[in-house]
Each structure stands twice: as C-alpha cells, then as structure tokens.
Amino acid sequence: MKSISRITLCFLMAIFIFPCAALAQEREQTPEEKKQEKEFYEWIDKEVKRLTESLQLEYWQEFYADSILTHDYLALRDELSDLSKNKISNTDIYVNVQDKWMEQIYNAFHKILNEEQWTKYLKQGAARDKKNRDKRKAKAKK
C-alpha cells in the first residue's frame, strides 16, 4: 500500500512540477526572441513549400526536407550564437561554420532527391553555392 501511495505521490508531483518548469522556461523568452523564433519557423515552412512546388517533392520528401532544414539551421544558429557569445571576431570562423552546415544540407538533400529533382535543385543555385564552398575550403588549405 505504501509503494502505491508513493508512486501516486510521485506521479502527482510530476504532473504539477513539469508544467511549472515549462512555464518558467516559457517566460524566459523575450517577446523579440519569440518573434524571431516564429519568423524562423515561418521561413522554414516557406522554403519547404518552395522546394515542394519547384521540385515536385513527394510527401515523404517534403517531411525529410522540413526535418533537414529545421535541424541543420537550428544547429547552425546555435553554433553561430556560441561563437558570438564567446566574442569570436574572426569572420573566417563564422564562414567555416556556415559552410559546414550548408554542406550538410547539400549532402542530405542529395540523399532524398531523385536524379531529376537533384538536377533542378542544382540549377536553382545549389551547384553555385557548392562551388563557392569548395573554393573557400581549397583556399583555406593553402
């Protein structure tokens, strides 16, 4: 009987504590941060819709495109934010971080697109961007 009441007590505490913690985290965001977050996700949605229309993506490709862009752009944003917080002033480091994540997106899209879609994607600017990344990478190695 005591173990059941302890489990019930723990369960009730969890029900009340977790929402309070979530609300506390929610309050930490300023209105400007909330606006930026909303704009970020709206931009992702627009980009996925643009890719869906221009490349005639299947529903599963649309899902992957959304997941790829959301994950990689959040990771890029976090990494750039960390550099900024650490007061890194070397612009080459910021460019390298951006190139790393853009290369990640490029490779991930290559895996989910068929040949026809990939060709269209490259013509939309991905090939030019890849060429520029490769040039910067070669220049950095010298």
C-alpha atoms as a PDB file:
ATOM      1  CA  MET A   1       0.000   0.000   0.000  1.00  0.00           C
ATOM      2  CA  LYS A   2       2.821   2.382   0.840  1.00  0.00           C
ATOM      3  CA  SER A   3       4.505   1.785  -2.533  1.00  0.00           C
ATOM      4  CA  ILE A   4       1.280   2.565  -4.395  1.00  0.00           C
ATOM      5  CA  SER A   5       0.821   5.800  -2.487  1.00  0.00           C
ATOM      6  CA  ARG A   6       4.450   6.750  -3.130  1.00  0.00           C
ATOM      7  CA  ILE A   7       4.012   6.094  -6.841  1.00  0.00           C
ATOM      8  CA  THR A   8       0.808   8.124  -6.830  1.00  0.00           C
ATOM      9  CA  LEU A   9       2.518  10.927  -4.921  1.00  0.00           C
ATOM     10  CA  CYS A  10       5.446  10.950  -7.371  1.00  0.00           C
ATOM     11  CA  PHE A  11       3.043  10.944 -10.290  1.00  0.00           C
ATOM     12  CA  LEU A  12       1.058  13.880  -8.873  1.00  0.00           C
ATOM     13  CA  MET A  13       4.238  15.812  -8.133  1.00  0.00           C
ATOM     14  CA  ALA A  14       5.421  15.244 -11.690  1.00  0.00           C
ATOM     15  CA  ILE A  15       2.112  16.465 -13.071  1.00  0.00           C
ATOM     16  CA  PHE A  16       2.377  19.721 -11.139  1.00  0.00           C
ATOM     17  CA  ILE A  17       6.136  20.316 -11.276  1.00  0.00           C
ATOM     18  CA  PHE A  18       6.777  19.783 -15.012  1.00  0.00           C
ATOM     19  CA  PRO A  19       4.166  22.277 -16.224  1.00  0.00           C
ATOM     20  CA  CYS A  20       5.519  24.852 -13.775  1.00  0.00           C
ATOM     21  CA  ALA A  21       9.047  24.286 -15.061  1.00  0.00           C
ATOM     22  CA  ALA A  22       7.837  24.571 -18.637  1.00  0.00           C
ATOM     23  CA  LEU A  23       6.065  27.834 -17.836  1.00  0.00           C
ATOM     24  CA  ALA A  24       9.202  29.187 -16.194  1.00  0.00           C
ATOM     25  CA  GLN A  25      11.202  28.400 -19.318  1.00  0.00           C
ATOM     26  CA  GLU A  26       8.483  29.940 -21.467  1.00  0.00           C
ATOM     27  CA  ARG A  27       8.687  33.210 -19.524  1.00  0.00           C
ATOM     28  CA  GLU A  28      12.437  33.441 -20.068  1.00  0.00           C
ATOM     29  CA  GLN A  29      11.977  34.209 -23.757  1.00  0.00           C
ATOM     30  CA  THR A  30      11.570  37.887 -24.529  1.00  0.00           C
ATOM     31  CA  PRO A  31       8.896  38.997 -26.982  1.00  0.00           C
ATOM     32  CA  GLU A  32      11.649  39.694 -29.513  1.00  0.00           C
ATOM     33  CA  GLU A  33      13.009  36.157 -29.151  1.00  0.00           C
ATOM     34  CA  LYS A  34       9.530  34.708 -29.580  1.00  0.00           C
ATOM     35  CA  LYS A  35       9.067  36.800 -32.713  1.00  0.00           C
ATOM     36  CA  GLN A  36      12.417  35.644 -34.106  1.00  0.00           C
ATOM     37  CA  GLU A  37      11.556  32.021 -33.325  1.00  0.00           C
ATOM     38  CA  LYS A  38       8.209  32.346 -35.085  1.00  0.00           C
ATOM     39  CA  GLU A  39       9.817  34.022 -38.111  1.00  0.00           C
ATOM     40  CA  PHE A  40      12.452  31.291 -38.239  1.00  0.00           C
ATOM     41  CA  TYR A  41       9.847  28.514 -38.445  1.00  0.00           C
ATOM     42  CA  GLU A  42       7.771  30.506 -40.939  1.00  0.00           C
ATOM     43  CA  TRP A  43      10.863  30.860 -43.138  1.00  0.00           C
ATOM     44  CA  ILE A  44      11.465  27.090 -42.958  1.00  0.00           C
ATOM     45  CA  ASP A  45       7.830  26.461 -43.944  1.00  0.00           C
ATOM     46  CA  LYS A  46       8.101  28.841 -46.910  1.00  0.00           C
ATOM     47  CA  GLU A  47      11.341  27.231 -48.047  1.00  0.00           C
ATOM     48  CA  VAL A  48       9.844  23.734 -47.832  1.00  0.00           C
ATOM     49  CA  LYS A  49       6.791  24.885 -49.803  1.00  0.00           C
ATOM     50  CA  ARG A  50       9.062  26.485 -52.425  1.00  0.00           C
ATOM     51  CA  LEU A  51      11.084  23.287 -52.746  1.00  0.00           C
ATOM     52  CA  THR A  52       7.923  21.169 -52.843  1.00  0.00           C
ATOM     53  CA  GLU A  53       6.473  23.220 -55.693  1.00  0.00           C
ATOM     54  CA  SER A  54       9.654  23.678 -57.706  1.00  0.00           C
ATOM     55  CA  LEU A  55      10.918  20.097 -57.340  1.00  0.00           C
ATOM     56  CA  GLN A  56       7.534  18.324 -57.118  1.00  0.00           C
ATOM     57  CA  LEU A  57       8.502  16.616 -53.861  1.00  0.00           C
ATOM     58  CA  GLU A  58       6.623  13.567 -52.646  1.00  0.00           C
ATOM     59  CA  TYR A  59       5.036  13.804 -49.190  1.00  0.00           C
ATOM     60  CA  TRP A  60       7.876  11.830 -47.615  1.00  0.00           C
ATOM     61  CA  GLN A  61      10.496  14.028 -49.295  1.00  0.00           C
ATOM     62  CA  GLU A  62       8.687  17.101 -48.002  1.00  0.00           C
ATOM     63  CA  PHE A  63       8.847  15.649 -44.486  1.00  0.00           C
ATOM     64  CA  TYR A  64      12.583  14.971 -44.804  1.00  0.00           C
ATOM     65  CA  ALA A  65      13.256  18.401 -46.312  1.00  0.00           C
ATOM     66  CA  ASP A  66      11.460  20.038 -43.387  1.00  0.00           C
ATOM     67  CA  SER A  67      13.360  17.907 -40.878  1.00  0.00           C
ATOM     68  CA  ILE A  68      16.716  18.541 -42.544  1.00  0.00           C
ATOM     69  CA  LEU A  69      16.246  22.296 -42.763  1.00  0.00           C
ATOM     70  CA  THR A  70      14.891  22.601 -39.238  1.00  0.00           C
ATOM     71  CA  HIS A  71      17.649  20.535 -37.652  1.00  0.00           C
ATOM     72  CA  ASP A  72      20.555  21.949 -39.615  1.00  0.00           C
ATOM     73  CA  TYR A  73      19.509  25.601 -39.447  1.00  0.00           C
ATOM     74  CA  LEU A  74      18.882  25.315 -35.698  1.00  0.00           C
ATOM     75  CA  ALA A  75      22.324  23.753 -35.283  1.00  0.00           C
ATOM     76  CA  LEU A  76      23.864  26.481 -37.442  1.00  0.00           C
ATOM     77  CA  ARG A  77      22.096  29.176 -35.448  1.00  0.00           C
ATOM     78  CA  ASP A  78      23.222  27.647 -32.145  1.00  0.00           C
ATOM     79  CA  GLU A  79      26.821  27.326 -33.268  1.00  0.00           C
ATOM     80  CA  LEU A  80      26.932  30.906 -34.577  1.00  0.00           C
ATOM     81  CA  SER A  81      25.327  32.102 -31.352  1.00  0.00           C
ATOM     82  CA  ASP A  82      28.008  30.325 -29.324  1.00  0.00           C
ATOM     83  CA  LEU A  83      30.728  31.984 -31.374  1.00  0.00           C
ATOM     84  CA  SER A  84      29.091  35.345 -30.860  1.00  0.00           C
ATOM     85  CA  LYS A  85      28.712  34.800 -27.108  1.00  0.00           C
ATOM     86  CA  ASN A  86      32.398  33.885 -26.929  1.00  0.00           C
ATOM     87  CA  LYS A  87      33.169  37.146 -28.727  1.00  0.00           C
ATOM     88  CA  ILE A  88      34.910  35.483 -31.666  1.00  0.00           C
ATOM     89  CA  SER A  89      35.688  38.218 -34.172  1.00  0.00           C
ATOM     90  CA  ASN A  90      37.379  36.220 -36.936  1.00  0.00           C
ATOM     91  CA  THR A  91      34.872  36.183 -39.813  1.00  0.00           C
ATOM     92  CA  ASP A  92      36.538  33.146 -41.377  1.00  0.00           C
ATOM     93  CA  ILE A  93      35.391  31.041 -38.448  1.00  0.00           C
ATOM     94  CA  TYR A  94      31.779  32.141 -38.977  1.00  0.00           C
ATOM     95  CA  VAL A  95      32.037  31.382 -42.702  1.00  0.00           C
ATOM     96  CA  ASN A  96      33.508  27.936 -41.968  1.00  0.00           C
ATOM     97  CA  VAL A  97      30.647  27.115 -39.606  1.00  0.00           C
ATOM     98  CA  GLN A  98      28.093  28.258 -42.158  1.00  0.00           C
ATOM     99  CA  ASP A  99      29.818  26.260 -44.913  1.00  0.00           C
ATOM    100  CA  LYS A 100      29.859  23.154 -42.703  1.00  0.00           C
ATOM    101  CA  TRP A 101      26.087  23.252 -42.200  1.00  0.00           C
ATOM    102  CA  MET A 102      25.304  24.214 -45.797  1.00  0.00           C
ATOM    103  CA  GLU A 103      27.389  21.231 -46.916  1.00  0.00           C
ATOM    104  CA  GLN A 104      25.402  19.066 -44.502  1.00  0.00           C
ATOM    105  CA  ILE A 105      22.128  20.259 -46.065  1.00  0.00           C
ATOM    106  CA  TYR A 106      23.514  19.757 -49.575  1.00  0.00           C
ATOM    107  CA  ASN A 107      24.523  16.153 -48.827  1.00  0.00           C
ATOM    108  CA  ALA A 108      21.269  15.350 -47.034  1.00  0.00           C
ATOM    109  CA  PHE A 109      19.185  16.675 -49.938  1.00  0.00           C
ATOM    110  CA  HIS A 110      21.258  14.621 -52.368  1.00  0.00           C
ATOM    111  CA  LYS A 111      20.159  11.513 -50.481  1.00  0.00           C
ATOM    112  CA  ILE A 112      16.415  12.251 -50.635  1.00  0.00           C
ATOM    113  CA  LEU A 113      16.047  13.689 -54.152  1.00  0.00           C
ATOM    114  CA  ASN A 114      15.810  11.627 -57.317  1.00  0.00           C
ATOM    115  CA  GLU A 115      18.043  12.440 -60.300  1.00  0.00           C
ATOM    116  CA  GLU A 116      15.579  14.812 -61.970  1.00  0.00           C
ATOM    117  CA  GLN A 117      14.891  16.672 -58.734  1.00  0.00           C
ATOM    118  CA  TRP A 118      18.606  16.816 -57.923  1.00  0.00           C
ATOM    119  CA  THR A 119      19.364  18.381 -61.314  1.00  0.00           C
ATOM    120  CA  LYS A 120      16.677  21.032 -60.748  1.00  0.00           C
ATOM    121  CA  TYR A 121      17.971  21.648 -57.219  1.00  0.00           C
ATOM    122  CA  LEU A 122      21.495  22.186 -58.528  1.00  0.00           C
ATOM    123  CA  LYS A 123      20.208  24.603 -61.186  1.00  0.00           C
ATOM    124  CA  GLN A 124      18.395  26.599 -58.501  1.00  0.00           C
ATOM    125  CA  GLY A 125      21.748  27.651 -57.061  1.00  0.00           C
ATOM    126  CA  ALA A 126      22.937  24.685 -55.058  1.00  0.00           C
ATOM    127  CA  ALA A 127      25.703  23.921 -57.589  1.00  0.00           C
ATOM    128  CA  ARG A 128      26.971  27.512 -57.469  1.00  0.00           C
ATOM    129  CA  ASP A 129      26.917  27.504 -53.671  1.00  0.00           C
ATOM    130  CA  LYS A 130      28.761  24.171 -53.556  1.00  0.00           C
ATOM    131  CA  LYS A 131      31.407  25.505 -55.948  1.00  0.00           C
ATOM    132  CA  ASN A 132      31.902  28.586 -53.755  1.00  0.00           C
ATOM    133  CA  ARG A 133      32.196  26.435 -50.609  1.00  0.00           C
ATOM    134  CA  ASP A 134      34.761  24.224 -52.317  1.00  0.00           C
ATOM    135  CA  LYS A 135      36.776  27.284 -53.399  1.00  0.00           C
ATOM    136  CA  ARG A 136      36.799  28.659 -49.848  1.00  0.00           C
ATOM    137  CA  LYS A 137      37.810  25.256 -48.499  1.00  0.00           C
ATOM    138  CA  ALA A 138      40.679  24.944 -51.006  1.00  0.00           C
ATOM    139  CA  LYS A 139      41.821  28.481 -50.238  1.00  0.00           C
ATOM    140  CA  ALA A 140      41.814  27.750 -46.501  1.00  0.00           C
ATOM    141  CA  LYS A 141      44.002  24.671 -47.013  1.00  0.00           C
ATOM    142  CA  LYS A 142      46.724  26.740 -48.704  1.00  0.00           C
END
